[in-house]
Protein backbone atom coordinates (compact mmCIF):
# COMPACT_ATOMS: atom_id res chain seq x y z
CA MET A 1 71.89 102.45 107.20
CA ALA A 2 70.36 106.07 107.83
CA GLU A 3 68.14 106.70 104.37
CA GLU A 4 66.41 110.16 103.38
CA TYR A 5 63.09 110.40 101.42
CA ASP A 6 61.46 113.35 99.91
CA LEU A 7 58.46 114.92 101.91
CA LYS A 8 56.19 115.71 98.70
CA THR A 9 56.97 112.63 96.24
CA SER A 10 58.62 110.10 99.17
CA GLN A 11 61.12 109.98 96.66
CA LEU A 12 64.64 108.10 98.43
CA LEU A 13 67.12 111.03 98.53
CA ALA A 14 69.84 108.89 100.64
CA ARG A 15 70.84 106.32 101.48
CA LYS A 16 73.74 105.10 103.19
CA TRP A 17 75.69 103.13 105.28
CA ARG A 18 77.84 102.32 108.11
CA GLU A 19 79.45 100.08 109.30
CA LYS A 20 82.10 99.16 112.62
CA THR A 21 85.52 99.05 112.11
CA ALA A 22 88.12 95.63 113.80
CA LEU A 23 88.06 98.27 117.07
CA GLY A 24 85.15 98.83 117.02
CA SER A 25 84.49 102.51 115.76
CA SER A 26 82.40 103.60 113.24
CA GLY A 27 83.11 103.55 110.44
CA LYS A 28 83.06 105.52 107.32
CA TRP A 29 79.97 106.11 105.38
CA GLN A 30 79.70 104.18 102.58
CA ILE A 31 77.03 105.90 100.39
CA GLU A 32 74.67 103.86 97.67
CA VAL A 33 72.40 106.10 96.50
CA GLY A 34 72.93 109.92 96.20
CA GLU A 35 75.34 112.23 95.94
CA PRO A 36 78.26 112.26 98.58
CA THR A 37 78.24 115.79 100.76
CA SER A 38 81.40 117.35 100.36
CA HIS A 39 85.30 116.32 101.68
CA THR A 40 85.58 117.74 104.23
CA ALA A 41 89.34 118.21 104.79
CA GLY A 42 91.48 120.48 106.37
CA ALA A 43 92.64 123.29 105.00
CA LEU A 44 95.53 122.97 104.21
CA GLU A 45 95.41 119.01 103.20
CA SER A 46 92.12 120.71 100.08
CA GLU A 47 94.36 123.28 98.78
CA LEU A 48 97.65 120.53 98.45
CA ILE A 49 95.06 117.93 95.88
CA LYS A 50 92.42 118.69 93.71
CA GLU A 51 90.30 116.81 92.96
CA SER A 52 90.07 117.47 88.77
CA SER A 53 86.49 119.05 88.13
CA SER A 54 86.71 117.17 84.87
CA ASN A 55 87.29 113.62 86.16
CA PRO A 56 84.06 111.36 85.69
CA ILE A 57 81.30 111.90 88.68
CA PHE A 58 79.58 108.58 89.64
CA VAL A 59 76.14 109.01 91.12
CA ARG A 60 73.15 106.40 91.46
CA ARG A 61 69.64 108.71 91.25
CA ASP A 62 66.41 106.17 92.11
CA THR A 63 63.33 107.00 90.11
CA GLN A 64 59.71 105.11 91.64
CA THR A 65 60.05 103.13 88.70
CA SER A 66 63.98 101.90 88.21
CA PHE A 67 67.48 102.58 89.61
CA GLN A 68 69.39 105.32 87.25
CA TRP A 69 73.19 106.23 87.64
CA ARG A 70 74.19 108.90 85.79
CA ILE A 71 78.54 109.52 84.97
CA ARG A 72 78.59 113.46 84.72
CA ASN A 73 81.94 114.65 82.49
CA LEU A 74 81.56 112.09 79.80
CA PRO A 75 82.88 113.63 76.26
CA TYR A 76 82.25 111.71 73.11
CA PRO A 77 78.61 110.75 71.17
CA LYS A 78 76.48 107.76 71.88
CA GLU A 79 78.06 105.58 70.00
CA VAL A 80 81.80 105.34 71.87
CA TYR A 81 79.49 104.07 74.63
CA ASN A 82 78.01 100.37 75.45
CA VAL A 83 76.69 99.52 78.18
CA SER A 84 76.72 95.20 79.76
CA VAL A 85 75.15 93.26 81.66
CA ASP A 86 77.98 90.73 83.88
CA LYS A 87 76.47 87.76 84.94
CA GLU A 88 78.37 86.27 86.47
CA GLN A 89 80.10 88.86 88.40
CA ARG A 90 76.95 90.15 89.03
CA CYS A 91 77.47 94.19 88.38
CA CYS A 92 76.74 96.55 85.12
CA VAL A 93 79.94 97.40 82.79
CA VAL A 94 80.27 100.47 80.66
CA ARG A 95 82.85 100.89 78.70
CA THR A 96 83.88 103.28 75.77
CA THR A 97 84.49 101.61 72.42
CA ASN A 98 88.01 103.98 72.37
CA LYS A 99 88.94 102.40 76.04
CA LYS A 100 88.91 105.08 77.65
CA TYR A 101 86.81 104.74 80.40
CA TYR A 102 85.71 101.68 82.00
CA LYS A 103 83.50 101.63 85.71
CA LYS A 104 82.52 98.13 86.45
CA PHE A 105 79.19 98.43 89.24
CA PRO A 106 76.46 96.19 91.53
CA ILE A 107 73.83 96.40 92.22
CA PRO A 108 73.00 96.05 95.58
CA ASP A 109 69.12 96.02 95.95
CA MET A 110 69.16 92.44 93.56
CA ASP A 111 72.16 91.42 95.14
CA ARG A 112 70.86 92.45 98.35
CA TYR A 113 66.66 89.97 97.44
CA GLN A 114 69.59 88.19 95.21
CA LEU A 115 67.63 88.23 92.45
CA PRO A 116 69.52 87.65 88.96
CA LEU A 117 70.50 90.31 85.84
CA ASP A 118 69.03 90.89 83.44
CA ALA A 119 70.18 92.21 80.50
CA ALA A 120 66.42 92.98 79.22
CA ALA A 121 65.99 95.04 82.24
CA LEU A 122 69.40 97.50 81.43
CA SER A 123 68.86 100.05 79.27
CA PHE A 124 71.35 103.47 79.14
CA THR A 125 70.79 106.90 76.98
CA TYR A 126 73.64 110.90 76.86
CA ALA A 127 72.29 113.54 76.73
CA ASN A 128 74.63 117.24 77.89
CA ALA A 129 78.31 115.60 78.63
CA THR A 130 76.05 112.53 81.10
CA LEU A 131 75.73 109.35 80.48
CA ILE A 132 71.98 107.78 82.08
CA ILE A 133 72.32 104.41 82.55
CA THR A 134 68.93 102.97 84.10
CA TYR A 135 68.11 99.80 85.12
CA ARG A 136 63.74 98.90 85.35
CA LYS A 137 63.70 96.83 88.91
CA PRO A 138 61.75 93.64 89.08
CA GLN A 139 58.55 93.11 90.47
CA GLU A 140 59.74 92.02 93.15
CA ILE A 141 61.89 94.71 94.35
CA LEU A 142 58.69 96.96 93.68
CA ALA A 143 56.48 95.31 95.80
CA VAL A 144 58.51 95.72 99.10
CA GLU A 145 59.02 99.72 98.32
CA GLU A 146 54.94 99.23 97.55
CA GLU A 147 54.92 98.31 101.28
CA LEU A 148 57.70 100.43 102.54
CA GLN A 149 56.17 103.67 101.23
CA LYS A 150 53.21 102.17 103.28
CA GLU A 151 55.41 102.23 106.84
CA LEU A 152 56.92 105.32 105.95
CA GLN A 153 53.33 106.70 105.37
CA LYS A 154 52.59 105.94 109.24
CA ILE A 155 55.37 107.92 110.64
CA LYS A 156 55.71 111.80 111.08
CA ALA A 157 58.36 113.37 109.96
CA ALA A 158 60.49 115.44 112.08
CA ASN A 159 60.64 119.18 110.93
CA ASP A 160 64.49 119.98 111.14
CA GLY A 161 63.62 124.03 111.06
CA ASP A 162 60.52 124.50 112.81
CA ARG A 163 61.05 124.47 116.20
CA GLU A 164 62.02 126.61 119.49
CA CYS A 165 64.75 127.41 120.51
CA LYS A 166 64.20 128.74 124.06
CA THR A 167 66.64 131.40 124.93
CA GLN A 168 67.91 130.81 129.46
């Protein structure tokens, strides 16, 4: 696992997981929080197939008090969206009444701590062709994150760009 935090606000910017493959080599990064880095395919491959810029883009961005997902490029009005919690499959579901968009996504943090999902903690808003889904963090997760922030304050951050470059 690799996590990236903002030095000024101590807010989580990215969290990635990588597991070993069946042959023991490092697998691909699975991005849990944050935006994926640009796809670095070969020059020939990127010319052959390119994803449409109008496709919906699903990104998780967390705040200090809530988990937040943003789905960009959704052109329908707010009244069309229905966001709910599926307690049996432990995931959130986004669907439209016109049946043009459907997405199920888990909340890995809730699964990690084996906490039940609460429909009352889920809300959503819509602005500028972006659906913003918010799930209020339970007290257990807030307490764990507060402890983590205390630990992070003790760690000195590495300044990547401020190192001296020795010449030969």
